[in-house]
Amino acid sequence: MLSKLFGILFLIVGGMIAFGILAALVGTVIGILMFVLKLAVPVLLVYVGYRLVTRDRSPASYYSS
């Protein structure tokens, strides 16, 4: 009877530890995704700004003086 109680206790403790590790892993993945999103916004803004600045140039304007 005592071994069954220890078995149930180990199942509960092991499940809680596994859930904690899984929650930390999911939190890490969400943190990485948020970092990528924060990094993508300035890159996108720089790209759009560059495209807006250079869209009126024609290839002939590079060769004329």
Protein backbone atom coordinates (compact mmCIF):
# COMPACT_ATOMS: atom_id res chain seq x y z
CA MET A 1 0.00 0.00 0.00
CA LEU A 2 2.85 2.37 0.82
CA SER A 3 4.48 1.72 -2.57
CA LYS A 4 1.27 2.74 -4.36
CA LEU A 5 1.19 6.00 -2.41
CA PHE A 6 4.81 6.67 -3.37
CA GLY A 7 3.95 5.83 -6.98
CA ILE A 8 1.09 8.32 -7.01
CA LEU A 9 3.30 10.92 -5.33
CA PHE A 10 6.05 10.37 -7.92
CA LEU A 11 3.51 10.67 -10.75
CA ILE A 12 2.24 13.97 -9.38
CA VAL A 13 5.71 15.41 -8.73
CA GLY A 14 7.04 14.20 -12.10
CA GLY A 15 4.05 15.65 -13.92
CA MET A 16 4.50 19.00 -12.20
CA ILE A 17 8.20 19.09 -13.09
CA ALA A 18 7.43 18.13 -16.71
CA PHE A 19 4.74 20.82 -16.91
CA GLY A 20 7.17 23.39 -15.54
CA ILE A 21 9.80 22.47 -18.11
CA LEU A 22 7.21 22.55 -20.90
CA ALA A 23 5.94 25.95 -19.77
CA ALA A 24 9.51 27.29 -19.71
CA LEU A 25 10.12 25.90 -23.20
CA VAL A 26 6.96 27.49 -24.57
CA GLY A 27 7.90 30.76 -22.87
CA THR A 28 11.33 30.63 -24.48
CA VAL A 29 9.85 30.02 -27.93
CA ILE A 30 7.41 32.91 -27.48
CA GLY A 31 10.28 35.12 -26.31
CA ILE A 32 12.32 34.26 -29.40
CA LEU A 33 9.34 34.99 -31.65
CA MET A 34 8.82 38.35 -29.97
CA PHE A 35 12.52 39.16 -30.44
CA VAL A 36 12.29 38.30 -34.15
CA LEU A 37 9.17 40.45 -34.47
CA LYS A 38 10.88 43.38 -32.73
CA LEU A 39 13.86 42.94 -35.05
CA ALA A 40 11.70 42.66 -38.18
CA VAL A 41 9.87 45.95 -37.63
CA PRO A 42 12.92 48.26 -37.96
CA VAL A 43 14.30 46.19 -40.83
CA LEU A 44 10.98 46.50 -42.65
CA LEU A 45 10.85 50.25 -41.98
CA VAL A 46 14.39 50.73 -43.31
CA TYR A 47 13.56 48.67 -46.41
CA VAL A 48 10.36 50.63 -47.11
CA GLY A 49 12.17 53.93 -46.55
CA TYR A 50 14.96 52.89 -48.92
CA ARG A 51 12.45 51.86 -51.57
CA LEU A 52 10.59 55.16 -51.23
CA VAL A 53 13.81 57.18 -51.52
CA THR A 54 15.13 55.31 -54.56
CA ARG A 55 11.92 54.66 -56.52
CA ASP A 56 12.11 57.83 -58.65
CA ARG A 57 15.60 57.16 -59.94
CA SER A 58 15.92 55.81 -63.44
CA PRO A 59 18.98 53.82 -64.59
CA ALA A 60 19.94 56.63 -67.00
CA SER A 61 20.39 59.09 -64.13
CA TYR A 62 23.42 57.16 -62.89
CA TYR A 63 25.34 57.81 -66.12
CA SER A 64 24.44 61.44 -66.76
CA SER A 65 26.41 64.19 -65.12
